[in-house]
PDB file of all heavy atoms in Angstrom:
ATOM      1  N   LEU A   1       0.801  -1.204  -0.014  1.00  0.00           N
ATOM      2  CA  LEU A   1       0.029   0.010  -0.001  1.00  0.00           C
ATOM      3  C   LEU A   1       0.893   1.234   0.043  1.00  0.00           C
ATOM      4  O   LEU A   1       0.487   2.292  -0.552  1.00  0.00           O
ATOM      5  CB  LEU A   1      -0.979  -0.021   1.159  1.00  0.00           C
ATOM      6  CG  LEU A   1      -2.009  -1.128   1.120  1.00  0.00           C
ATOM      7  CD1 LEU A   1      -2.894  -1.140   2.375  1.00  0.00           C
ATOM      8  CD2 LEU A   1      -2.902  -0.902  -0.106  1.00  0.00           C
ATOM      9  N   HIS A   2       2.050   1.162   0.542  1.00  0.00           N
ATOM     10  CA  HIS A   2       2.972   2.341   0.470  1.00  0.00           C
ATOM     11  C   HIS A   2       3.403   2.587  -0.979  1.00  0.00           C
ATOM     12  O   HIS A   2       3.499   3.716  -1.389  1.00  0.00           O
ATOM     13  CB  HIS A   2       4.228   2.100   1.322  1.00  0.00           C
ATOM     14  CG  HIS A   2       4.024   2.321   2.738  1.00  0.00           C
ATOM     15  ND1 HIS A   2       4.824   1.837   3.707  1.00  0.00           N
ATOM     16  CD2 HIS A   2       3.075   2.992   3.445  1.00  0.00           C
ATOM     17  CE1 HIS A   2       4.431   2.179   4.916  1.00  0.00           C
ATOM     18  NE2 HIS A   2       3.313   2.856   4.745  1.00  0.00           N
ATOM     19  N   ASP A   3       3.445   1.493  -1.781  1.00  0.00           N
ATOM     20  CA  ASP A   3       3.740   1.701  -3.223  1.00  0.00           C
ATOM     21  C   ASP A   3       2.540   2.468  -3.887  1.00  0.00           C
ATOM     22  O   ASP A   3       2.781   3.364  -4.702  1.00  0.00           O
ATOM     23  CB  ASP A   3       3.928   0.380  -3.932  1.00  0.00           C
ATOM     24  CG  ASP A   3       5.139  -0.343  -3.462  1.00  0.00           C
ATOM     25  OD1 ASP A   3       6.172   0.268  -3.203  1.00  0.00           O
ATOM     26  OD2 ASP A   3       5.125  -1.590  -3.476  1.00  0.00           O
ATOM     27  N   VAL A   4       1.268   2.090  -3.548  1.00  0.00           N
ATOM     28  CA  VAL A   4       0.114   2.820  -4.088  1.00  0.00           C
ATOM     29  C   VAL A   4       0.151   4.254  -3.620  1.00  0.00           C
ATOM     30  O   VAL A   4      -0.105   5.142  -4.378  1.00  0.00           O
ATOM     31  CB  VAL A   4      -1.163   2.046  -3.627  1.00  0.00           C
ATOM     32  CG1 VAL A   4      -2.392   2.863  -4.120  1.00  0.00           C
ATOM     33  CG2 VAL A   4      -1.186   0.624  -4.177  1.00  0.00           C
ATOM     34  N   GLU A   5       0.523   4.492  -2.354  1.00  0.00           N
ATOM     35  CA  GLU A   5       0.571   5.853  -1.823  1.00  0.00           C
ATOM     36  C   GLU A   5       1.582   6.672  -2.625  1.00  0.00           C
ATOM     37  O   GLU A   5       1.267   7.846  -2.934  1.00  0.00           O
ATOM     38  CB  GLU A   5       0.924   5.753  -0.347  1.00  0.00           C
ATOM     39  CG  GLU A   5       1.070   7.113   0.312  1.00  0.00           C
ATOM     40  CD  GLU A   5       1.487   7.006   1.799  1.00  0.00           C
ATOM     41  OE1 GLU A   5       1.478   5.896   2.334  1.00  0.00           O
ATOM     42  OE2 GLU A   5       1.856   8.049   2.326  1.00  0.00           O
ATOM     43  N   GLN A   6       2.661   6.060  -2.962  1.00  0.00           N
ATOM     44  CA  GLN A   6       3.707   6.848  -3.743  1.00  0.00           C
ATOM     45  C   GLN A   6       3.165   7.173  -5.128  1.00  0.00           C
ATOM     46  O   GLN A   6       3.326   8.313  -5.643  1.00  0.00           O
ATOM     47  CB  GLN A   6       4.972   6.072  -3.799  1.00  0.00           C
ATOM     48  CG  GLN A   6       6.075   6.784  -4.594  1.00  0.00           C
ATOM     49  CD  GLN A   6       6.419   8.172  -3.966  1.00  0.00           C
ATOM     50  OE1 GLN A   6       6.423   8.343  -2.750  1.00  0.00           O
ATOM     51  NE2 GLN A   6       6.626   9.123  -4.803  1.00  0.00           N
ATOM     52  N   ARG A   7       2.465   6.239  -5.734  1.00  0.00           N
ATOM     53  CA  ARG A   7       1.895   6.430  -7.143  1.00  0.00           C
ATOM     54  C   ARG A   7       0.858   7.594  -6.987  1.00  0.00           C
ATOM     55  O   ARG A   7       0.839   8.505  -7.843  1.00  0.00           O
ATOM     56  CB  ARG A   7       1.110   5.274  -7.598  1.00  0.00           C
ATOM     57  CG  ARG A   7       1.994   4.134  -8.218  1.00  0.00           C
ATOM     58  CD  ARG A   7       1.089   3.213  -9.032  1.00  0.00           C
ATOM     59  NE  ARG A   7       0.589   2.078  -8.198  1.00  0.00           N
ATOM     60  CZ  ARG A   7      -0.708   1.773  -8.133  1.00  0.00           C
ATOM     61  NH1 ARG A   7      -1.602   2.455  -8.731  1.00  0.00           N
ATOM     62  NH2 ARG A   7      -1.100   0.732  -7.431  1.00  0.00           N
ATOM     63  N   MET A   8       0.082   7.614  -5.933  1.00  0.00           N
ATOM     64  CA  MET A   8      -0.983   8.617  -5.771  1.00  0.00           C
ATOM     65  C   MET A   8      -0.359   9.958  -5.403  1.00  0.00           C
ATOM     66  O   MET A   8      -0.822  11.030  -5.909  1.00  0.00           O
ATOM     67  CB  MET A   8      -1.968   8.193  -4.701  1.00  0.00           C
ATOM     68  CG  MET A   8      -2.880   7.057  -5.168  1.00  0.00           C
ATOM     69  SD  MET A   8      -3.796   7.351  -6.719  1.00  0.00           S
ATOM     70  CE  MET A   8      -4.884   8.631  -6.137  1.00  0.00           C
ATOM     71  N   ARG A   9       0.702   9.965  -4.643  1.00  0.00           N
ATOM     72  CA  ARG A   9       1.431  11.220  -4.361  1.00  0.00           C
ATOM     73  C   ARG A   9       1.924  11.903  -5.685  1.00  0.00           C
ATOM     74  O   ARG A   9       1.755  13.049  -5.878  1.00  0.00           O
ATOM     75  CB  ARG A   9       2.596  10.988  -3.406  1.00  0.00           C
ATOM     76  CG  ARG A   9       3.316  12.224  -2.985  1.00  0.00           C
ATOM     77  CD  ARG A   9       4.439  11.976  -2.039  1.00  0.00           C
ATOM     78  NE  ARG A   9       3.873  11.737  -0.709  1.00  0.00           N
ATOM     79  CZ  ARG A   9       3.930  10.569  -0.103  1.00  0.00           C
ATOM     80  NH1 ARG A   9       4.506   9.522  -0.591  1.00  0.00           N
ATOM     81  NH2 ARG A   9       3.388  10.417   1.112  1.00  0.00           N
ATOM     82  N   GLU A  10       2.542  11.046  -6.492  1.00  0.00           N
ATOM     83  CA  GLU A  10       3.039  11.545  -7.869  1.00  0.00           C
ATOM     84  C   GLU A  10       1.858  12.008  -8.693  1.00  0.00           C
ATOM     85  O   GLU A  10       1.902  13.094  -9.366  1.00  0.00           O
ATOM     86  CB  GLU A  10       3.799  10.496  -8.567  1.00  0.00           C
ATOM     87  CG  GLU A  10       5.119  10.099  -7.878  1.00  0.00           C
ATOM     88  CD  GLU A  10       5.706   8.868  -8.450  1.00  0.00           C
ATOM     89  OE1 GLU A  10       5.266   8.292  -9.489  1.00  0.00           O
ATOM     90  OE2 GLU A  10       6.709   8.409  -7.883  1.00  0.00           O
ATOM     91  N   PHE A  11       0.702  11.294  -8.657  1.00  0.00           N
ATOM     92  CA  PHE A  11      -0.421  11.742  -9.419  1.00  0.00           C
ATOM     93  C   PHE A  11      -1.008  13.076  -8.938  1.00  0.00           C
ATOM     94  O   PHE A  11      -1.327  13.921  -9.720  1.00  0.00           O
ATOM     95  CB  PHE A  11      -1.539  10.647  -9.394  1.00  0.00           C
ATOM     96  CG  PHE A  11      -2.728  10.996 -10.090  1.00  0.00           C
ATOM     97  CD1 PHE A  11      -2.812  10.940 -11.485  1.00  0.00           C
ATOM     98  CD2 PHE A  11      -3.910  11.389  -9.417  1.00  0.00           C
ATOM     99  CE1 PHE A  11      -3.977  11.209 -12.179  1.00  0.00           C
ATOM    100  CE2 PHE A  11      -5.109  11.745 -10.100  1.00  0.00           C
ATOM    101  CZ  PHE A  11      -5.107  11.639 -11.464  1.00  0.00           C
ATOM    102  N   LEU A  12      -1.082  13.178  -7.629  1.00  0.00           N
ATOM    103  CA  LEU A  12      -1.541  14.509  -7.061  1.00  0.00           C
ATOM    104  C   LEU A  12      -0.689  15.670  -7.378  1.00  0.00           C
ATOM    105  O   LEU A  12      -1.158  16.737  -7.747  1.00  0.00           O
ATOM    106  CB  LEU A  12      -1.712  14.391  -5.499  1.00  0.00           C
ATOM    107  CG  LEU A  12      -2.842  13.479  -5.033  1.00  0.00           C
ATOM    108  CD1 LEU A  12      -2.698  13.282  -3.527  1.00  0.00           C
ATOM    109  CD2 LEU A  12      -4.175  14.074  -5.389  1.00  0.00           C
ATOM    110  N   GLU A  13       0.648  15.411  -7.438  1.00  0.00           N
ATOM    111  CA  GLU A  13       1.571  16.542  -7.803  1.00  0.00           C
ATOM    112  C   GLU A  13       1.291  16.950  -9.220  1.00  0.00           C
ATOM    113  O   GLU A  13       1.327  18.159  -9.580  1.00  0.00           O
ATOM    114  CB  GLU A  13       3.040  16.048  -7.559  1.00  0.00           C
ATOM    115  CG  GLU A  13       3.358  15.907  -6.085  1.00  0.00           C
ATOM    116  CD  GLU A  13       4.731  15.253  -5.901  1.00  0.00           C
ATOM    117  OE1 GLU A  13       5.487  15.002  -6.881  1.00  0.00           O
ATOM    118  OE2 GLU A  13       5.073  14.944  -4.753  1.00  0.00           O
ATOM    119  N   MET A  14       1.067  15.952 -10.128  1.00  0.00           N
ATOM    120  CA  MET A  14       0.726  16.259 -11.540  1.00  0.00           C
ATOM    121  C   MET A  14      -0.585  17.027 -11.658  1.00  0.00           C
ATOM    122  O   MET A  14      -0.622  18.022 -12.354  1.00  0.00           O
ATOM    123  CB  MET A  14       0.678  14.989 -12.313  1.00  0.00           C
ATOM    124  CG  MET A  14       0.299  15.200 -13.801  1.00  0.00           C
ATOM    125  SD  MET A  14      -1.460  15.365 -14.180  1.00  0.00           S
ATOM    126  CE  MET A  14      -2.147  13.805 -13.624  1.00  0.00           C
ATOM    127  N   LEU A  15      -1.569  16.584 -10.834  1.00  0.00           N
ATOM    128  CA  LEU A  15      -2.805  17.359 -10.860  1.00  0.00           C
ATOM    129  C   LEU A  15      -2.724  18.750 -10.401  1.00  0.00           C
ATOM    130  O   LEU A  15      -3.225  19.638 -10.958  1.00  0.00           O
ATOM    131  CB  LEU A  15      -3.831  16.637  -9.944  1.00  0.00           C
ATOM    132  CG  LEU A  15      -4.635  15.452 -10.497  1.00  0.00           C
ATOM    133  CD1 LEU A  15      -5.662  15.011  -9.470  1.00  0.00           C
ATOM    134  CD2 LEU A  15      -5.304  15.748 -11.825  1.00  0.00           C
ATOM    135  N   ASN A  16      -1.960  18.930  -9.360  1.00  0.00           N
ATOM    136  CA  ASN A  16      -1.721  20.234  -8.744  1.00  0.00           C
ATOM    137  C   ASN A  16      -1.057  21.242  -9.685  1.00  0.00           C
ATOM    138  O   ASN A  16      -1.253  22.386  -9.657  1.00  0.00           O
ATOM    139  CB  ASN A  16      -1.027  20.151  -7.388  1.00  0.00           C
ATOM    140  CG  ASN A  16      -1.280  21.373  -6.595  1.00  0.00           C
ATOM    141  OD1 ASN A  16      -2.352  21.929  -6.516  1.00  0.00           O
ATOM    142  ND2 ASN A  16      -0.265  21.800  -5.859  1.00  0.00           N
ATOM    143  N   THR A  17      -0.192  20.612 -10.540  1.00  0.00           N
ATOM    144  CA  THR A  17       0.580  21.474 -11.517  1.00  0.00           C
ATOM    145  C   THR A  17      -0.333  21.858 -12.659  1.00  0.00           C
ATOM    146  O   THR A  17      -0.366  23.033 -13.064  1.00  0.00           O
ATOM    147  CB  THR A  17       1.790  20.661 -12.030  1.00  0.00           C
ATOM    148  OG1 THR A  17       2.607  20.382 -10.958  1.00  0.00           O
ATOM    149  CG2 THR A  17       2.519  21.526 -13.047  1.00  0.00           C
ATOM    150  N   GLY A  18      -1.131  20.918 -13.232  1.00  0.00           N
ATOM    151  CA  GLY A  18      -1.893  21.205 -14.371  1.00  0.00           C
ATOM    152  C   GLY A  18      -3.360  21.606 -14.189  1.00  0.00           C
ATOM    153  O   GLY A  18      -4.035  22.070 -15.093  1.00  0.00           O
ATOM    154  N   TYR A  19      -3.886  21.342 -12.924  1.00  0.00           N
ATOM    155  CA  TYR A  19      -5.325  21.553 -12.690  1.00  0.00           C
ATOM    156  C   TYR A  19      -5.598  22.296 -11.407  1.00  0.00           C
ATOM    157  O   TYR A  19      -6.698  22.193 -10.902  1.00  0.00           O
ATOM    158  CB  TYR A  19      -6.076  20.211 -12.718  1.00  0.00           C
ATOM    159  CG  TYR A  19      -5.982  19.474 -14.062  1.00  0.00           C
ATOM    160  CD1 TYR A  19      -4.916  18.661 -14.438  1.00  0.00           C
ATOM    161  CD2 TYR A  19      -6.864  19.782 -15.084  1.00  0.00           C
ATOM    162  CE1 TYR A  19      -4.795  18.031 -15.594  1.00  0.00           C
ATOM    163  CE2 TYR A  19      -6.820  19.155 -16.297  1.00  0.00           C
ATOM    164  CZ  TYR A  19      -5.753  18.296 -16.533  1.00  0.00           C
ATOM    165  OH  TYR A  19      -5.659  17.692 -17.789  1.00  0.00           O
ATOM    166  N   ALA A  20      -4.653  23.077 -11.014  1.00  0.00           N
ATOM    167  CA  ALA A  20      -4.909  23.904  -9.693  1.00  0.00           C
ATOM    168  C   ALA A  20      -6.102  24.720  -9.894  1.00  0.00           C
ATOM    169  O   ALA A  20      -6.424  25.254 -10.976  1.00  0.00           O
ATOM    170  CB  ALA A  20      -3.646  24.735  -9.427  1.00  0.00           C
ATOM    171  N   ASP A  21      -6.888  24.805  -8.834  1.00  0.00           N
ATOM    172  CA  ASP A  21      -8.158  25.587  -8.769  1.00  0.00           C
ATOM    173  C   ASP A  21      -9.227  25.083  -9.696  1.00  0.00           C
ATOM    174  O   ASP A  21     -10.158  25.790 -10.067  1.00  0.00           O
ATOM    175  CB  ASP A  21      -7.871  27.101  -9.138  1.00  0.00           C
ATOM    176  CG  ASP A  21      -7.000  27.762  -8.007  1.00  0.00           C
ATOM    177  OD1 ASP A  21      -7.194  27.482  -6.883  1.00  0.00           O
ATOM    178  OD2 ASP A  21      -6.110  28.609  -8.437  1.00  0.00           O
ATOM    179  N   LYS A  22      -9.120  23.835 -10.074  1.00  0.00           N
ATOM    180  CA  LYS A  22     -10.081  23.136 -10.917  1.00  0.00           C
ATOM    181  C   LYS A  22     -10.774  22.089 -10.101  1.00  0.00           C
ATOM    182  O   LYS A  22     -10.331  21.636  -9.048  1.00  0.00           O
ATOM    183  CB  LYS A  22      -9.504  22.551 -12.170  1.00  0.00           C
ATOM    184  CG  LYS A  22      -8.790  23.532 -12.998  1.00  0.00           C
ATOM    185  CD  LYS A  22      -9.491  23.690 -14.283  1.00  0.00           C
ATOM    186  CE  LYS A  22      -8.684  24.509 -15.334  1.00  0.00           C
ATOM    187  NZ  LYS A  22      -8.737  25.880 -15.305  1.00  0.00           N
ATOM    188  N   HIS A  23     -11.855  21.524 -10.598  1.00  0.00           N
ATOM    189  CA  HIS A  23     -12.571  20.400 -10.002  1.00  0.00           C
ATOM    190  C   HIS A  23     -12.401  19.239 -10.976  1.00  0.00           C
ATOM    191  O   HIS A  23     -12.961  19.267 -12.108  1.00  0.00           O
ATOM    192  CB  HIS A  23     -14.033  20.778  -9.835  1.00  0.00           C
ATOM    193  CG  HIS A  23     -14.840  19.729  -9.059  1.00  0.00           C
ATOM    194  ND1 HIS A  23     -16.101  20.022  -8.687  1.00  0.00           N
ATOM    195  CD2 HIS A  23     -14.493  18.524  -8.556  1.00  0.00           C
ATOM    196  CE1 HIS A  23     -16.558  18.924  -7.991  1.00  0.00           C
ATOM    197  NE2 HIS A  23     -15.629  17.994  -7.862  1.00  0.00           N
ATOM    198  N   VAL A  24     -11.729  18.210 -10.495  1.00  0.00           N
ATOM    199  CA  VAL A  24     -11.521  17.041 -11.359  1.00  0.00           C
ATOM    200  C   VAL A  24     -12.215  15.777 -10.861  1.00  0.00           C
ATOM    201  O   VAL A  24     -12.416  15.684  -9.605  1.00  0.00           O
ATOM    202  CB  VAL A  24     -10.026  16.740 -11.585  1.00  0.00           C
ATOM    203  CG1 VAL A  24      -9.300  17.916 -12.239  1.00  0.00           C
ATOM    204  CG2 VAL A  24      -9.376  16.350 -10.257  1.00  0.00           C
ATOM    205  N   ALA A  25     -12.552  14.927 -11.689  1.00  0.00           N
ATOM    206  CA  ALA A  25     -13.139  13.672 -11.260  1.00  0.00           C
ATOM    207  C   ALA A  25     -12.150  12.490 -11.527  1.00  0.00           C
ATOM    208  O   ALA A  25     -11.380  12.497 -12.426  1.00  0.00           O
ATOM    209  CB  ALA A  25     -14.459  13.315 -12.167  1.00  0.00           C
ATOM    210  N   LEU A  26     -12.209  11.471 -10.581  1.00  0.00           N
ATOM    211  CA  LEU A  26     -11.359  10.333 -10.712  1.00  0.00           C
ATOM    212  C   LEU A  26     -12.259   9.160 -10.707  1.00  0.00           C
ATOM    213  O   LEU A  26     -13.168   9.042  -9.941  1.00  0.00           O
ATOM    214  CB  LEU A  26     -10.372  10.232  -9.571  1.00  0.00           C
ATOM    215  CG  LEU A  26      -9.440  11.436  -9.250  1.00  0.00           C
ATOM    216  CD1 LEU A  26      -8.542  11.104  -8.114  1.00  0.00           C
ATOM    217  CD2 LEU A  26      -8.619  11.816 -10.476  1.00  0.00           C
ATOM    218  N   MET A  27     -11.912   8.149 -11.515  1.00  0.00           N
ATOM    219  CA  MET A  27     -12.637   6.837 -11.533  1.00  0.00           C
ATOM    220  C   MET A  27     -11.610   5.753 -11.309  1.00  0.00           C
ATOM    221  O   MET A  27     -10.755   5.522 -12.159  1.00  0.00           O
ATOM    222  CB  MET A  27     -13.374   6.682 -12.857  1.00  0.00           C
ATOM    223  CG  MET A  27     -14.074   5.272 -12.999  1.00  0.00           C
ATOM    224  SD  MET A  27     -15.611   5.159 -11.953  1.00  0.00           S
ATOM    225  CE  MET A  27     -16.675   6.214 -12.877  1.00  0.00           C
ATOM    226  N   ALA A  28     -11.627   5.108 -10.172  1.00  0.00           N
ATOM    227  CA  ALA A  28     -10.576   4.143  -9.907  1.00  0.00           C
ATOM    228  C   ALA A  28     -11.042   3.031  -8.941  1.00  0.00           C
ATOM    229  O   ALA A  28     -12.140   2.567  -9.057  1.00  0.00           O
ATOM    230  CB  ALA A  28      -9.316   4.848  -9.390  1.00  0.00           C
ATOM    231  N   HIS A  29     -10.229   2.741  -7.934  1.00  0.00           N
ATOM    232  CA  HIS A  29     -10.378   1.513  -7.180  1.00  0.00           C
ATOM    233  C   HIS A  29     -10.212   1.753  -5.667  1.00  0.00           C
ATOM    234  O   HIS A  29     -10.008   2.886  -5.249  1.00  0.00           O
ATOM    235  CB  HIS A  29      -9.319   0.482  -7.652  1.00  0.00           C
ATOM    236  CG  HIS A  29      -9.159   0.347  -9.084  1.00  0.00           C
ATOM    237  ND1 HIS A  29      -9.887  -0.525  -9.859  1.00  0.00           N
ATOM    238  CD2 HIS A  29      -8.388   1.059 -10.024  1.00  0.00           C
ATOM    239  CE1 HIS A  29      -9.607  -0.370 -11.085  1.00  0.00           C
ATOM    240  NE2 HIS A  29      -8.631   0.497 -11.253  1.00  0.00           N
ATOM    241  N   LYS A  30     -10.232   0.703  -4.882  1.00  0.00           N
ATOM    242  CA  LYS A  30     -10.127   0.774  -3.453  1.00  0.00           C
ATOM    243  C   LYS A  30      -8.835   1.399  -2.913  1.00  0.00           C
ATOM    244  O   LYS A  30      -8.815   2.353  -2.204  1.00  0.00           O
ATOM    245  CB  LYS A  30     -10.372  -0.598  -2.837  1.00  0.00           C
ATOM    246  CG  LYS A  30     -10.302  -0.729  -1.351  1.00  0.00           C
ATOM    247  CD  LYS A  30     -10.581  -2.069  -0.862  1.00  0.00           C
ATOM    248  CE  LYS A  30     -10.468  -2.291   0.652  1.00  0.00           C
ATOM    249  NZ  LYS A  30     -10.820  -3.614   1.090  1.00  0.00           N
ATOM    250  N   ALA A  31      -7.658   0.728  -3.287  1.00  0.00           N
ATOM    251  CA  ALA A  31      -6.411   1.149  -2.733  1.00  0.00           C
ATOM    252  C   ALA A  31      -6.093   2.597  -3.047  1.00  0.00           C
ATOM    253  O   ALA A  31      -5.622   3.371  -2.137  1.00  0.00           O
ATOM    254  CB  ALA A  31      -5.259   0.282  -3.157  1.00  0.00           C
ATOM    255  N   PRO A  32      -6.293   3.105  -4.249  1.00  0.00           N
ATOM    256  CA  PRO A  32      -6.045   4.551  -4.539  1.00  0.00           C
ATOM    257  C   PRO A  32      -6.899   5.442  -3.683  1.00  0.00           C
ATOM    258  O   PRO A  32      -6.432   6.557  -3.196  1.00  0.00           O
ATOM    259  CB  PRO A  32      -6.295   4.731  -6.000  1.00  0.00           C
ATOM    260  CG  PRO A  32      -6.040   3.337  -6.575  1.00  0.00           C
ATOM    261  CD  PRO A  32      -6.558   2.413  -5.494  1.00  0.00           C
ATOM    262  N   GLN A  33      -8.124   5.040  -3.425  1.00  0.00           N
ATOM    263  CA  GLN A  33      -9.000   5.859  -2.623  1.00  0.00           C
ATOM    264  C   GLN A  33      -8.514   5.943  -1.111  1.00  0.00           C
ATOM    265  O   GLN A  33      -8.517   6.934  -0.484  1.00  0.00           O
ATOM    266  CB  GLN A  33     -10.466   5.430  -2.654  1.00  0.00           C
ATOM    267  CG  GLN A  33     -11.414   6.436  -1.836  1.00  0.00           C
ATOM    268  CD  GLN A  33     -12.870   6.041  -1.875  1.00  0.00           C
ATOM    269  OE1 GLN A  33     -13.177   4.908  -2.228  1.00  0.00           O
ATOM    270  NE2 GLN A  33     -13.624   7.072  -1.540  1.00  0.00           N
ATOM    271  N   LEU A  34      -8.190   4.738  -0.656  1.00  0.00           N
ATOM    272  CA  LEU A  34      -7.589   4.718   0.679  1.00  0.00           C
ATOM    273  C   LEU A  34      -6.267   5.523   0.768  1.00  0.00           C
ATOM    274  O   LEU A  34      -6.009   6.211   1.826  1.00  0.00           O
ATOM    275  CB  LEU A  34      -7.247   3.254   1.137  1.00  0.00           C
ATOM    276  CG  LEU A  34      -8.532   2.376   1.233  1.00  0.00           C
ATOM    277  CD1 LEU A  34      -8.145   0.973   1.731  1.00  0.00           C
ATOM    278  CD2 LEU A  34      -9.573   3.004   2.217  1.00  0.00           C
ATOM    279  N   ALA A  35      -5.472   5.617  -0.317  1.00  0.00           N
ATOM    280  CA  ALA A  35      -4.258   6.428  -0.333  1.00  0.00           C
ATOM    281  C   ALA A  35      -4.689   7.848  -0.219  1.00  0.00           C
ATOM    282  O   ALA A  35      -3.914   8.613   0.440  1.00  0.00           O
ATOM    283  CB  ALA A  35      -3.467   6.079  -1.547  1.00  0.00           C
ATOM    284  N   LEU A  36      -5.761   8.245  -0.842  1.00  0.00           N
ATOM    285  CA  LEU A  36      -6.149   9.656  -0.711  1.00  0.00           C
ATOM    286  C   LEU A  36      -6.616  10.024   0.753  1.00  0.00           C
ATOM    287  O   LEU A  36      -6.410  11.098   1.240  1.00  0.00           O
ATOM    288  CB  LEU A  36      -7.386   9.965  -1.635  1.00  0.00           C
ATOM    289  CG  LEU A  36      -7.049  10.077  -3.158  1.00  0.00           C
ATOM    290  CD1 LEU A  36      -8.309  10.414  -3.836  1.00  0.00           C
ATOM    291  CD2 LEU A  36      -6.004  11.086  -3.422  1.00  0.00           C
ATOM    292  N   GLU A  37      -7.204   9.017   1.418  1.00  0.00           N
ATOM    293  CA  GLU A  37      -7.576   9.208   2.838  1.00  0.00           C
ATOM    294  C   GLU A  37      -6.292   9.446   3.605  1.00  0.00           C
ATOM    295  O   GLU A  37      -6.309  10.240   4.510  1.00  0.00           O
ATOM    296  CB  GLU A  37      -8.332   7.941   3.274  1.00  0.00           C
ATOM    297  CG  GLU A  37      -9.707   7.761   2.735  1.00  0.00           C
ATOM    298  CD  GLU A  37     -10.767   8.886   3.138  1.00  0.00           C
ATOM    299  OE1 GLU A  37     -10.593   9.357   4.320  1.00  0.00           O
ATOM    300  OE2 GLU A  37     -11.608   9.174   2.328  1.00  0.00           O
TER     301      GLU A  37
END
């Protein structure tokens, strides 16, 4: 799950760079959602 957390951390950094102040939707799975928690 730490590996999933690292993937999600990198994904969030990309989102924050390209989509700051926007509202984005994600469609995914259990572990990535827990990583967001």
